[in-house]
PDB file of N, CA and C in Angstrom:
ATOM      1  N   MET A   1       0.804  -1.199  -0.060  1.00  0.00           N
ATOM      2  CA  MET A   1       0.073   0.063  -0.119  1.00  0.00           C
ATOM      3  C   MET A   1       0.682   1.169  -0.283  1.00  0.00           C
ATOM      4  N   ASP A   2       1.896   0.984   0.704  1.00  0.00           N
ATOM      5  CA  ASP A   2       2.915   2.567   1.100  1.00  0.00           C
ATOM      6  C   ASP A   2       3.656   2.773  -0.877  1.00  0.00           C
ATOM      7  N   TYR A   3       4.035   1.899  -1.435  1.00  0.00           N
ATOM      8  CA  TYR A   3       3.765   1.542  -2.928  1.00  0.00           C
ATOM      9  C   TYR A   3       3.068   2.429  -3.738  1.00  0.00           C
ATOM     10  N   ALA A   4       2.068   1.750  -3.500  1.00  0.00           N
ATOM     11  CA  ALA A   4       0.877   2.827  -4.573  1.00  0.00           C
ATOM     12  C   ALA A   4       0.911   4.119  -4.137  1.00  0.00           C
ATOM     13  N   PHE A   5       0.520   4.595  -2.907  1.00  0.00           N
ATOM     14  CA  PHE A   5       0.215   5.900  -2.256  1.00  0.00           C
ATOM     15  C   PHE A   5       1.830   6.700  -3.283  1.00  0.00           C
ATOM     16  N   ARG A   6       3.332   6.266  -3.036  1.00  0.00           N
ATOM     17  CA  ARG A   6       4.031   6.762  -3.192  1.00  0.00           C
ATOM     18  C   ARG A   6       3.851   6.597  -4.912  1.00  0.00           C
ATOM     19  N   ASN A   7       3.688   5.753  -5.710  1.00  0.00           N
ATOM     20  CA  ASN A   7       3.416   6.493  -6.461  1.00  0.00           C
ATOM     21  C   ASN A   7       2.666   7.459  -7.459  1.00  0.00           C
ATOM     22  N   THR A   8       0.839   7.570  -6.961  1.00  0.00           N
ATOM     23  CA  THR A   8       0.080   8.232  -7.191  1.00  0.00           C
ATOM     24  C   THR A   8       1.009   9.567  -6.928  1.00  0.00           C
ATOM     25  N   LEU A   9       1.510   9.540  -5.700  1.00  0.00           N
ATOM     26  CA  LEU A   9       2.427  11.162  -4.775  1.00  0.00           C
ATOM     27  C   LEU A   9       3.010  11.666  -5.794  1.00  0.00           C
ATOM     28  N   THR A  10       4.008  10.595  -6.388  1.00  0.00           N
ATOM     29  CA  THR A  10       5.462  10.971  -7.684  1.00  0.00           C
ATOM     30  C   THR A  10       4.231  11.408  -8.951  1.00  0.00           C
ATOM     31  N   ARG A  11       2.959  10.945  -9.417  1.00  0.00           N
ATOM     32  CA  ARG A  11       2.599  11.247 -10.553  1.00  0.00           C
ATOM     33  C   ARG A  11       2.307  12.728 -10.527  1.00  0.00           C
ATOM     34  N   PHE A  12       1.219  12.338  -9.427  1.00  0.00           N
ATOM     35  CA  PHE A  12       0.630  13.718  -8.683  1.00  0.00           C
ATOM     36  C   PHE A  12       1.389  15.039  -9.195  1.00  0.00           C
ATOM     37  N   LEU A  13       3.063  14.854  -8.030  1.00  0.00           N
ATOM     38  CA  LEU A  13       3.410  16.203  -8.618  1.00  0.00           C
ATOM     39  C   LEU A  13       3.917  15.998  -9.686  1.00  0.00           C
ATOM     40  N   LEU A  14       4.027  15.084 -10.368  1.00  0.00           N
ATOM     41  CA  LEU A  14       4.667  15.598 -12.031  1.00  0.00           C
ATOM     42  C   LEU A  14       4.307  15.959 -12.870  1.00  0.00           C
ATOM     43  N   VAL A  15       2.568  15.912 -12.729  1.00  0.00           N
ATOM     44  CA  VAL A  15       1.538  16.602 -13.404  1.00  0.00           C
ATOM     45  C   VAL A  15       1.447  18.141 -13.003  1.00  0.00           C
ATOM     46  N   TYR A  16       1.467  18.285 -11.795  1.00  0.00           N
ATOM     47  CA  TYR A  16       1.249  19.435 -11.043  1.00  0.00           C
ATOM     48  C   TYR A  16       2.655  20.650 -11.127  1.00  0.00           C
ATOM     49  N   THR A  17       3.720  19.791 -11.881  1.00  0.00           N
ATOM     50  CA  THR A  17       4.640  20.373 -12.181  1.00  0.00           C
ATOM     51  C   THR A  17       4.596  20.621 -13.489  1.00  0.00           C
ATOM     52  N   VAL A  18       4.254  19.666 -14.692  1.00  0.00           N
ATOM     53  CA  VAL A  18       4.413  19.763 -16.012  1.00  0.00           C
ATOM     54  C   VAL A  18       2.638  21.567 -15.767  1.00  0.00           C
ATOM     55  N   LEU A  19       1.970  21.220 -15.898  1.00  0.00           N
ATOM     56  CA  LEU A  19       0.992  22.291 -15.730  1.00  0.00           C
ATOM     57  C   LEU A  19       1.279  23.737 -15.037  1.00  0.00           C
ATOM     58  N   ALA A  20       1.953  24.086 -14.032  1.00  0.00           N
ATOM     59  CA  ALA A  20       3.164  24.590 -13.463  1.00  0.00           C
ATOM     60  C   ALA A  20       3.382  25.797 -14.847  1.00  0.00           C
ATOM     61  N   LEU A  21       4.566  24.721 -15.220  1.00  0.00           N
ATOM     62  CA  LEU A  21       5.913  25.313 -16.066  1.00  0.00           C
ATOM     63  C   LEU A  21       4.922  26.049 -17.419  1.00  0.00           C
ATOM     64  N   LEU A  22       4.291  24.861 -17.910  1.00  0.00           N
ATOM     65  CA  LEU A  22       3.343  25.460 -19.238  1.00  0.00           C
ATOM     66  C   LEU A  22       2.206  26.734 -18.569  1.00  0.00           C
ATOM     67  N   ALA A  23       2.034  27.144 -17.485  1.00  0.00           N
ATOM     68  CA  ALA A  23       0.766  28.042 -16.810  1.00  0.00           C
ATOM     69  C   ALA A  23       2.011  29.180 -17.113  1.00  0.00           C
ATOM     70  N   GLY A  24       3.018  28.900 -16.095  1.00  0.00           N
ATOM     71  CA  GLY A  24       3.990  30.103 -16.642  1.00  0.00           C
ATOM     72  C   GLY A  24       4.508  30.588 -17.793  1.00  0.00           C
ATOM     73  N   THR A  25       4.549  29.959 -18.699  1.00  0.00           N
ATOM     74  CA  THR A  25       5.152  30.194 -19.986  1.00  0.00           C
ATOM     75  C   THR A  25       4.536  30.578 -20.784  1.00  0.00           C
ATOM     76  N   VAL A  26       2.998  31.132 -20.254  1.00  0.00           N
ATOM     77  CA  VAL A  26       1.576  31.349 -21.325  1.00  0.00           C
ATOM     78  C   VAL A  26       1.392  32.441 -20.706  1.00  0.00           C
ATOM     79  N   TRP A  27       1.319  32.946 -19.255  1.00  0.00           N
ATOM     80  CA  TRP A  27       1.684  33.957 -18.681  1.00  0.00           C
ATOM     81  C   TRP A  27       2.713  35.113 -19.253  1.00  0.00           C
ATOM     82  N   ALA A  28       4.155  34.262 -19.413  1.00  0.00           N
ATOM     83  CA  ALA A  28       5.123  35.571 -19.851  1.00  0.00           C
ATOM     84  C   ALA A  28       5.168  35.734 -21.358  1.00  0.00           C
ATOM     85  N   GLN A  29       4.524  35.357 -22.140  1.00  0.00           N
ATOM     86  CA  GLN A  29       4.105  35.527 -23.636  1.00  0.00           C
ATOM     87  C   GLN A  29       3.187  37.167 -23.557  1.00  0.00           C
ATOM     88  N   GLY A  30       2.116  36.022 -22.600  1.00  0.00           N
ATOM     89  CA  GLY A  30       0.987  37.129 -22.755  1.00  0.00           C
ATOM     90  C   GLY A  30       0.729  38.331 -24.191  1.00  0.00           C
ATOM     91  N   SER A  31      -1.005  38.665 -24.261  1.00  0.00           N
ATOM     92  CA  SER A  31      -1.299  39.435 -25.622  1.00  0.00           C
ATOM     93  C   SER A  31      -2.223  40.317 -24.856  1.00  0.00           C
ATOM     94  N   GLY A  32      -2.207  40.756 -26.108  1.00  0.00           N
ATOM     95  CA  GLY A  32      -3.221  42.275 -25.929  1.00  0.00           C
ATOM     96  C   GLY A  32      -4.019  41.692 -27.671  1.00  0.00           C
ATOM     97  N   GLU A  33      -4.431  43.831 -27.140  1.00  0.00           N
ATOM     98  CA  GLU A  33      -5.705  44.031 -28.678  1.00  0.00           C
ATOM     99  C   GLU A  33      -5.187  44.704 -28.981  1.00  0.00           C
ATOM    100  N   LEU A  34      -5.328  45.091 -30.947  1.00  0.00           N
ATOM    101  CA  LEU A  34      -5.771  46.149 -31.303  1.00  0.00           C
ATOM    102  C   LEU A  34      -6.658  46.761 -31.644  1.00  0.00           C
ATOM    103  N   THR A  35      -7.455  47.839 -31.640  1.00  0.00           N
ATOM    104  CA  THR A  35      -8.724  48.222 -32.706  1.00  0.00           C
ATOM    105  C   THR A  35      -8.489  49.246 -32.545  1.00  0.00           C
ATOM    106  N   GLY A  36      -9.445  50.050 -33.432  1.00  0.00           N
ATOM    107  CA  GLY A  36      -9.353  51.853 -34.168  1.00  0.00           C
ATOM    108  C   GLY A  36     -10.442  51.706 -35.025  1.00  0.00           C
ATOM    109  N   LEU A  37     -10.820  53.283 -35.484  1.00  0.00           N
ATOM    110  CA  LEU A  37     -11.491  53.814 -36.668  1.00  0.00           C
ATOM    111  C   LEU A  37     -10.838  54.185 -37.968  1.00  0.00           C
ATOM    112  N   VAL A  38     -11.873  53.593 -38.656  1.00  0.00           N
ATOM    113  CA  VAL A  38     -10.474  54.439 -40.114  1.00  0.00           C
ATOM    114  C   VAL A  38     -12.220  55.110 -40.527  1.00  0.00           C
ATOM    115  N   THR A  39     -11.356  56.857 -40.485  1.00  0.00           N
ATOM    116  CA  THR A  39     -12.858  57.656 -41.324  1.00  0.00           C
ATOM    117  C   THR A  39     -11.672  58.106 -42.568  1.00  0.00           C
ATOM    118  N   ASP A  40     -12.591  58.862 -43.360  1.00  0.00           N
ATOM    119  CA  ASP A  40     -12.281  59.804 -44.315  1.00  0.00           C
ATOM    120  C   ASP A  40     -12.536  61.076 -44.041  1.00  0.00           C
ATOM    121  N   PRO A  41     -11.969  62.503 -45.500  1.00  0.00           N
ATOM    122  CA  PRO A  41     -11.217  63.741 -44.734  1.00  0.00           C
ATOM    123  C   PRO A  41     -12.356  63.988 -43.697  1.00  0.00           C
ATOM    124  N   GLN A  42     -13.661  63.515 -44.154  1.00  0.00           N
ATOM    125  CA  GLN A  42     -14.797  64.895 -43.967  1.00  0.00           C
ATOM    126  C   GLN A  42     -15.318  64.599 -42.523  1.00  0.00           C
ATOM    127  N   GLY A  43     -14.216  63.082 -42.086  1.00  0.00           N
ATOM    128  CA  GLY A  43     -14.655  62.241 -40.664  1.00  0.00           C
ATOM    129  C   GLY A  43     -16.077  61.055 -40.836  1.00  0.00           C
ATOM    130  N   ALA A  44     -16.093  60.476 -42.396  1.00  0.00           N
ATOM    131  CA  ALA A  44     -17.265  60.114 -42.121  1.00  0.00           C
ATOM    132  C   ALA A  44     -16.315  58.567 -41.909  1.00  0.00           C
ATOM    133  N   VAL A  45     -17.360  56.964 -41.938  1.00  0.00           N
ATOM    134  CA  VAL A  45     -16.632  55.616 -41.616  1.00  0.00           C
ATOM    135  C   VAL A  45     -16.376  55.123 -42.755  1.00  0.00           C
ATOM    136  N   VAL A  46     -15.556  54.703 -43.247  1.00  0.00           N
ATOM    137  CA  VAL A  46     -15.003  54.205 -43.859  1.00  0.00           C
ATOM    138  C   VAL A  46     -14.944  52.924 -43.931  1.00  0.00           C
ATOM    139  N   SER A  47     -16.126  51.876 -44.405  1.00  0.00           N
ATOM    140  CA  SER A  47     -16.315  50.286 -44.060  1.00  0.00           C
ATOM    141  C   SER A  47     -15.756  49.343 -45.141  1.00  0.00           C
ATOM    142  N   GLY A  48     -15.213  48.311 -45.012  1.00  0.00           N
ATOM    143  CA  GLY A  48     -14.439  47.547 -46.116  1.00  0.00           C
ATOM    144  C   GLY A  48     -13.648  48.050 -46.639  1.00  0.00           C
ATOM    145  N   ALA A  49     -12.890  48.559 -46.131  1.00  0.00           N
ATOM    146  CA  ALA A  49     -11.049  48.458 -45.757  1.00  0.00           C
ATOM    147  C   ALA A  49      -9.873  47.719 -45.666  1.00  0.00           C
ATOM    148  N   GLU A  50      -9.437  47.261 -46.353  1.00  0.00           N
ATOM    149  CA  GLU A  50      -8.218  46.425 -45.523  1.00  0.00           C
ATOM    150  C   GLU A  50      -7.176  46.538 -44.298  1.00  0.00           C
ATOM    151  N   VAL A  51      -7.396  46.396 -43.618  1.00  0.00           N
ATOM    152  CA  VAL A  51      -5.953  46.782 -42.427  1.00  0.00           C
ATOM    153  C   VAL A  51      -5.249  45.703 -42.617  1.00  0.00           C
ATOM    154  N   LYS A  52      -3.819  46.071 -42.329  1.00  0.00           N
ATOM    155  CA  LYS A  52      -2.425  44.846 -42.688  1.00  0.00           C
ATOM    156  C   LYS A  52      -2.357  45.874 -41.408  1.00  0.00           C
ATOM    157  N   LEU A  53      -1.246  44.848 -40.403  1.00  0.00           N
ATOM    158  CA  LEU A  53      -0.646  44.139 -39.449  1.00  0.00           C
ATOM    159  C   LEU A  53       0.073  43.558 -39.089  1.00  0.00           C
ATOM    160  N   THR A  54       1.638  44.477 -39.287  1.00  0.00           N
ATOM    161  CA  THR A  54       2.638  42.950 -39.877  1.00  0.00           C
ATOM    162  C   THR A  54       3.879  43.694 -38.262  1.00  0.00           C
ATOM    163  N   ASN A  55       4.179  42.774 -37.632  1.00  0.00           N
ATOM    164  CA  ASN A  55       5.445  43.071 -36.978  1.00  0.00           C
ATOM    165  C   ASN A  55       6.095  42.261 -37.422  1.00  0.00           C
ATOM    166  N   PRO A  56       7.368  43.853 -37.513  1.00  0.00           N
ATOM    167  CA  PRO A  56       8.677  43.733 -37.922  1.00  0.00           C
ATOM    168  C   PRO A  56       9.565  42.737 -37.494  1.00  0.00           C
ATOM    169  N   ALA A  57       9.208  42.630 -35.789  1.00  0.00           N
ATOM    170  CA  ALA A  57      10.277  41.457 -35.620  1.00  0.00           C
ATOM    171  C   ALA A  57      10.256  40.383 -35.598  1.00  0.00           C
ATOM    172  N   THR A  58       9.114  39.393 -36.190  1.00  0.00           N
ATOM    173  CA  THR A  58       9.258  38.286 -36.835  1.00  0.00           C
ATOM    174  C   THR A  58       8.388  38.616 -38.050  1.00  0.00           C
ATOM    175  N   GLY A  59       8.085  39.277 -38.711  1.00  0.00           N
ATOM    176  CA  GLY A  59       7.188  39.538 -39.784  1.00  0.00           C
ATOM    177  C   GLY A  59       5.845  39.422 -40.248  1.00  0.00           C
ATOM    178  N   THR A  60       5.565  38.259 -38.759  1.00  0.00           N
ATOM    179  CA  THR A  60       4.116  38.192 -39.218  1.00  0.00           C
ATOM    180  C   THR A  60       3.681  39.096 -39.268  1.00  0.00           C
ATOM    181  N   VAL A  61       2.334  38.379 -40.502  1.00  0.00           N
ATOM    182  CA  VAL A  61       1.663  39.396 -40.938  1.00  0.00           C
ATOM    183  C   VAL A  61      -0.038  39.091 -40.319  1.00  0.00           C
ATOM    184  N   ARG A  62      -1.305  40.235 -40.324  1.00  0.00           N
ATOM    185  CA  ARG A  62      -2.741  39.603 -39.924  1.00  0.00           C
ATOM    186  C   ARG A  62      -3.479  40.780 -40.933  1.00  0.00           C
ATOM    187  N   THR A  63      -4.215  40.450 -41.514  1.00  0.00           N
ATOM    188  CA  THR A  63      -4.996  41.466 -42.020  1.00  0.00           C
ATOM    189  C   THR A  63      -6.199  41.243 -41.720  1.00  0.00           C
ATOM    190  N   THR A  64      -7.100  41.744 -41.500  1.00  0.00           N
ATOM    191  CA  THR A  64      -9.037  42.606 -41.266  1.00  0.00           C
ATOM    192  C   THR A  64      -9.579  43.571 -42.116  1.00  0.00           C
ATOM    193  N   ILE A  65     -10.717  43.584 -42.397  1.00  0.00           N
ATOM    194  CA  ILE A  65     -11.666  44.372 -42.890  1.00  0.00           C
ATOM    195  C   ILE A  65     -12.327  45.183 -42.082  1.00  0.00           C
ATOM    196  N   THR A  66     -12.137  46.912 -42.106  1.00  0.00           N
ATOM    197  CA  THR A  66     -13.199  47.706 -41.539  1.00  0.00           C
ATOM    198  C   THR A  66     -14.811  47.189 -41.468  1.00  0.00           C
ATOM    199  N   SER A  67     -15.791  47.470 -40.299  1.00  0.00           N
ATOM    200  CA  SER A  67     -16.834  46.856 -40.230  1.00  0.00           C
ATOM    201  C   SER A  67     -17.827  47.737 -41.170  1.00  0.00           C
ATOM    202  N   GLY A  68     -18.791  47.658 -40.880  1.00  0.00           N
ATOM    203  CA  GLY A  68     -19.901  49.060 -42.035  1.00  0.00           C
ATOM    204  C   GLY A  68     -19.664  50.424 -41.115  1.00  0.00           C
ATOM    205  N   ALA A  69     -19.680  50.051 -39.411  1.00  0.00           N
ATOM    206  CA  ALA A  69     -18.977  51.278 -38.731  1.00  0.00           C
ATOM    207  C   ALA A  69     -17.511  51.740 -38.886  1.00  0.00           C
ATOM    208  N   GLY A  70     -16.882  51.473 -39.686  1.00  0.00           N
ATOM    209  CA  GLY A  70     -15.291  51.789 -39.722  1.00  0.00           C
ATOM    210  C   GLY A  70     -14.377  51.150 -38.876  1.00  0.00           C
ATOM    211  N   ILE A  71     -14.982  50.068 -38.190  1.00  0.00           N
ATOM    212  CA  ILE A  71     -13.975  49.973 -37.032  1.00  0.00           C
ATOM    213  C   ILE A  71     -12.733  48.534 -37.642  1.00  0.00           C
ATOM    214  N   TYR A  72     -12.111  48.502 -37.354  1.00  0.00           N
ATOM    215  CA  TYR A  72     -11.352  47.207 -37.539  1.00  0.00           C
ATOM    216  C   TYR A  72     -10.473  46.918 -35.615  1.00  0.00           C
ATOM    217  N   HIS A  73     -10.321  45.395 -35.675  1.00  0.00           N
ATOM    218  CA  HIS A  73      -9.642  44.635 -34.313  1.00  0.00           C
ATOM    219  C   HIS A  73      -8.921  43.157 -35.030  1.00  0.00           C
ATOM    220  N   PHE A  74      -7.806  43.930 -34.354  1.00  0.00           N
ATOM    221  CA  PHE A  74      -7.457  42.026 -34.075  1.00  0.00           C
ATOM    222  C   PHE A  74      -7.043  41.685 -33.123  1.00  0.00           C
ATOM    223  N   ALA A  75      -7.518  41.152 -32.136  1.00  0.00           N
ATOM    224  CA  ALA A  75      -7.226  40.129 -30.932  1.00  0.00           C
ATOM    225  C   ALA A  75      -6.133  38.796 -30.759  1.00  0.00           C
ATOM    226  N   ALA A  76      -5.393  39.005 -29.523  1.00  0.00           N
ATOM    227  CA  ALA A  76      -4.938  38.079 -28.940  1.00  0.00           C
ATOM    228  C   ALA A  76      -3.719  38.228 -30.166  1.00  0.00           C
ATOM    229  N   LEU A  77      -2.812  39.369 -29.988  1.00  0.00           N
ATOM    230  CA  LEU A  77      -1.671  39.988 -30.077  1.00  0.00           C
ATOM    231  C   LEU A  77      -0.699  39.723 -29.636  1.00  0.00           C
ATOM    232  N   PRO A  78       0.828  38.634 -30.093  1.00  0.00           N
ATOM    233  CA  PRO A  78       1.564  39.283 -29.162  1.00  0.00           C
ATOM    234  C   PRO A  78       2.389  40.065 -29.240  1.00  0.00           C
ATOM    235  N   VAL A  79       2.653  40.532 -27.389  1.00  0.00           N
ATOM    236  CA  VAL A  79       3.034  41.967 -27.113  1.00  0.00           C
ATOM    237  C   VAL A  79       3.872  42.318 -28.438  1.00  0.00           C
ATOM    238  N   GLY A  80       4.422  43.302 -28.309  1.00  0.00           N
ATOM    239  CA  GLY A  80       5.257  44.018 -29.539  1.00  0.00           C
ATOM    240  C   GLY A  80       5.330  45.395 -30.259  1.00  0.00           C
ATOM    241  N   ASN A  81       5.618  45.463 -30.696  1.00  0.00           N
ATOM    242  CA  ASN A  81       5.750  46.883 -32.184  1.00  0.00           C
ATOM    243  C   ASN A  81       5.134  46.363 -33.506  1.00  0.00           C
ATOM    244  N   TYR A  82       4.363  47.252 -33.734  1.00  0.00           N
ATOM    245  CA  TYR A  82       3.494  46.859 -35.161  1.00  0.00           C
ATOM    246  C   TYR A  82       3.455  48.152 -35.679  1.00  0.00           C
ATOM    247  N   THR A  83       3.378  47.417 -36.703  1.00  0.00           N
ATOM    248  CA  THR A  83       3.466  48.662 -38.676  1.00  0.00           C
ATOM    249  C   THR A  83       1.653  48.248 -38.956  1.00  0.00           C
ATOM    250  N   LEU A  84       0.690  49.376 -39.121  1.00  0.00           N
ATOM    251  CA  LEU A  84      -0.327  49.069 -39.461  1.00  0.00           C
ATOM    252  C   LEU A  84      -0.587  49.948 -40.813  1.00  0.00           C
ATOM    253  N   GLU A  85      -1.082  48.974 -41.547  1.00  0.00           N
ATOM    254  CA  GLU A  85      -1.735  49.857 -43.208  1.00  0.00           C
ATOM    255  C   GLU A  85      -2.982  50.198 -43.423  1.00  0.00           C
ATOM    256  N   VAL A  86      -3.158  50.550 -43.547  1.00  0.00           N
ATOM    257  CA  VAL A  86      -4.138  50.926 -44.204  1.00  0.00           C
ATOM    258  C   VAL A  86      -4.565  51.819 -46.036  1.00  0.00           C
ATOM    259  N   ALA A  87      -4.751  50.689 -46.914  1.00  0.00           N
ATOM    260  CA  ALA A  87      -5.482  51.989 -48.403  1.00  0.00           C
ATOM    261  C   ALA A  87      -6.168  51.269 -48.887  1.00  0.00           C
ATOM    262  N   PRO A  88      -7.037  51.464 -49.258  1.00  0.00           N
ATOM    263  CA  PRO A  88      -8.414  51.667 -49.862  1.00  0.00           C
ATOM    264  C   PRO A  88      -8.609  52.288 -50.311  1.00  0.00           C
ATOM    265  N   LYS A  89      -9.349  51.806 -51.975  1.00  0.00           N
ATOM    266  CA  LYS A  89      -8.687  53.087 -53.368  1.00  0.00           C
ATOM    267  C   LYS A  89      -9.790  54.052 -53.056  1.00  0.00           C
ATOM    268  N   GLY A  90      -8.951  54.762 -53.764  1.00  0.00           N
ATOM    269  CA  GLY A  90      -9.927  56.371 -53.799  1.00  0.00           C
ATOM    270  C   GLY A  90      -9.252  57.551 -52.819  1.00  0.00           C
ATOM    271  N   PHE A  91      -8.496  56.407 -51.944  1.00  0.00           N
ATOM    272  CA  PHE A  91      -7.083  57.333 -50.910  1.00  0.00           C
ATOM    273  C   PHE A  91      -5.665  56.911 -50.732  1.00  0.00           C
ATOM    274  N   LYS A  92      -5.070  57.656 -50.222  1.00  0.00           N
ATOM    275  CA  LYS A  92      -4.108  57.649 -50.476  1.00  0.00           C
ATOM    276  C   LYS A  92      -3.901  56.617 -48.817  1.00  0.00           C
ATOM    277  N   SER A  93      -2.572  55.803 -49.129  1.00  0.00           N
ATOM    278  CA  SER A  93      -2.111  54.783 -47.723  1.00  0.00           C
ATOM    279  C   SER A  93      -2.091  55.596 -47.143  1.00  0.00           C
ATOM    280  N   VAL A  94      -2.060  54.886 -45.606  1.00  0.00           N
ATOM    281  CA  VAL A  94      -1.502  55.552 -44.231  1.00  0.00           C
ATOM    282  C   VAL A  94      -0.713  54.220 -43.880  1.00  0.00           C
ATOM    283  N   ARG A  95       0.021  54.076 -43.705  1.00  0.00           N
ATOM    284  CA  ARG A  95       1.065  53.825 -42.366  1.00  0.00           C
ATOM    285  C   ARG A  95       1.804  54.373 -41.039  1.00  0.00           C
ATOM    286  N   VAL A  96       1.078  53.454 -40.080  1.00  0.00           N
ATOM    287  CA  VAL A  96       1.551  53.352 -39.162  1.00  0.00           C
ATOM    288  C   VAL A  96       2.992  53.141 -37.967  1.00  0.00           C
ATOM    289  N   GLN A  97       3.654  53.374 -37.609  1.00  0.00           N
ATOM    290  CA  GLN A  97       4.829  52.192 -37.387  1.00  0.00           C
ATOM    291  C   GLN A  97       4.394  52.762 -35.787  1.00  0.00           C
ATOM    292  N   ASN A  98       5.816  51.578 -34.764  1.00  0.00           N
ATOM    293  CA  ASN A  98       5.718  51.749 -33.642  1.00  0.00           C
ATOM    294  C   ASN A  98       4.104  51.336 -33.312  1.00  0.00           C
ATOM    295  N   VAL A  99       2.781  51.119 -33.393  1.00  0.00           N
ATOM    296  CA  VAL A  99       2.150  50.661 -32.466  1.00  0.00           C
ATOM    297  C   VAL A  99       2.473  49.685 -31.097  1.00  0.00           C
ATOM    298  N   VAL A 100       2.412  50.321 -29.874  1.00  0.00           N
ATOM    299  CA  VAL A 100       2.715  49.209 -29.182  1.00  0.00           C
ATOM    300  C   VAL A 100       1.272  48.389 -28.423  1.00  0.00           C
ATOM    301  N   VAL A 101       1.472  47.197 -28.811  1.00  0.00           N
ATOM    302  CA  VAL A 101       1.006  46.437 -27.592  1.00  0.00           C
ATOM    303  C   VAL A 101       0.849  45.876 -26.837  1.00  0.00           C
ATOM    304  N   SER A 102       0.580  45.831 -25.631  1.00  0.00           N
ATOM    305  CA  SER A 102       0.967  45.608 -23.827  1.00  0.00           C
ATOM    306  C   SER A 102       0.008  44.560 -23.045  1.00  0.00           C
ATOM    307  N   VAL A 103       1.092  43.317 -22.860  1.00  0.00           N
ATOM    308  CA  VAL A 103      -0.138  42.487 -21.875  1.00  0.00           C
ATOM    309  C   VAL A 103      -1.557  42.631 -20.964  1.00  0.00           C
ATOM    310  N   GLY A 104      -2.548  42.208 -22.054  1.00  0.00           N
ATOM    311  CA  GLY A 104      -4.007  42.340 -21.365  1.00  0.00           C
ATOM    312  C   GLY A 104      -4.751  43.180 -21.568  1.00  0.00           C
ATOM    313  N   ALA A 105      -3.924  44.710 -22.696  1.00  0.00           N
ATOM    314  CA  ALA A 105      -4.949  46.081 -22.627  1.00  0.00           C
ATOM    315  C   ALA A 105      -5.439  46.065 -24.242  1.00  0.00           C
ATOM    316  N   THR A 106      -6.230  46.612 -24.644  1.00  0.00           N
ATOM    317  CA  THR A 106      -6.586  47.051 -25.743  1.00  0.00           C
ATOM    318  C   THR A 106      -6.039  48.317 -26.076  1.00  0.00           C
ATOM    319  N   ALA A 107      -5.376  48.552 -27.040  1.00  0.00           N
ATOM    320  CA  ALA A 107      -4.718  49.806 -28.259  1.00  0.00           C
ATOM    321  C   ALA A 107      -6.026  50.639 -28.785  1.00  0.00           C
ATOM    322  N   THR A 108      -5.744  51.584 -28.703  1.00  0.00           N
ATOM    323  CA  THR A 108      -6.683  52.288 -30.132  1.00  0.00           C
ATOM    324  C   THR A 108      -5.665  53.168 -30.324  1.00  0.00           C
ATOM    325  N   ASN A 109      -6.146  52.637 -31.904  1.00  0.00           N
ATOM    326  CA  ASN A 109      -4.807  54.047 -33.125  1.00  0.00           C
ATOM    327  C   ASN A 109      -6.188  53.957 -34.383  1.00  0.00           C
ATOM    328  N   ASP A 110      -6.778  55.213 -34.085  1.00  0.00           N
ATOM    329  CA  ASP A 110      -8.014  55.326 -35.137  1.00  0.00           C
ATOM    330  C   ASP A 110      -6.520  56.538 -36.266  1.00  0.00           C
ATOM    331  N   VAL A 111      -7.510  55.775 -37.754  1.00  0.00           N
ATOM    332  CA  VAL A 111      -6.505  56.342 -39.117  1.00  0.00           C
ATOM    333  C   VAL A 111      -8.219  57.096 -39.758  1.00  0.00           C
ATOM    334  N   LYS A 112      -7.078  58.486 -40.536  1.00  0.00           N
ATOM    335  CA  LYS A 112      -7.865  59.498 -41.172  1.00  0.00           C
ATOM    336  C   LYS A 112      -7.826  59.364 -41.987  1.00  0.00           C
ATOM    337  N   LEU A 113      -8.195  58.884 -43.350  1.00  0.00           N
ATOM    338  CA  LEU A 113      -7.558  58.466 -44.657  1.00  0.00           C
ATOM    339  C   LEU A 113      -7.483  60.172 -45.582  1.00  0.00           C
ATOM    340  N   GLU A 114      -6.851  59.992 -45.916  1.00  0.00           N
ATOM    341  CA  GLU A 114      -6.669  61.190 -46.978  1.00  0.00           C
ATOM    342  C   GLU A 114      -6.964  60.648 -49.048  1.00  0.00           C
ATOM    343  N   LEU A 115      -7.310  61.928 -49.526  1.00  0.00           N
ATOM    344  CA  LEU A 115      -7.722  61.535 -51.294  1.00  0.00           C
ATOM    345  C   LEU A 115      -6.397  61.631 -51.646  1.00  0.00           C
TER     346      LEU A 115
END
């Protein structure tokens, strides 16, 4: 019986240690979000515009389309600095560098387009 108890306790401690290490790794990496509003020169919202987000450190690129209300949203982003690009037809492309995403925070970066 002593052997069975020791074997069960060893397994429990092994599983606990592995889960603790995994939880620490996930916590250390963290993530954040980025959102914003895309408008034209008169302040009207621009829907259906492609928004591209690039992480220069990793080369990772994500894209999304603005909603009917002109809002874009990127969820679960790794923490870091990003470059945001918006270039809908009929407007000059806009490039915003050094957009900072922090752990557990939602960064907001509105974009005003020019003709």
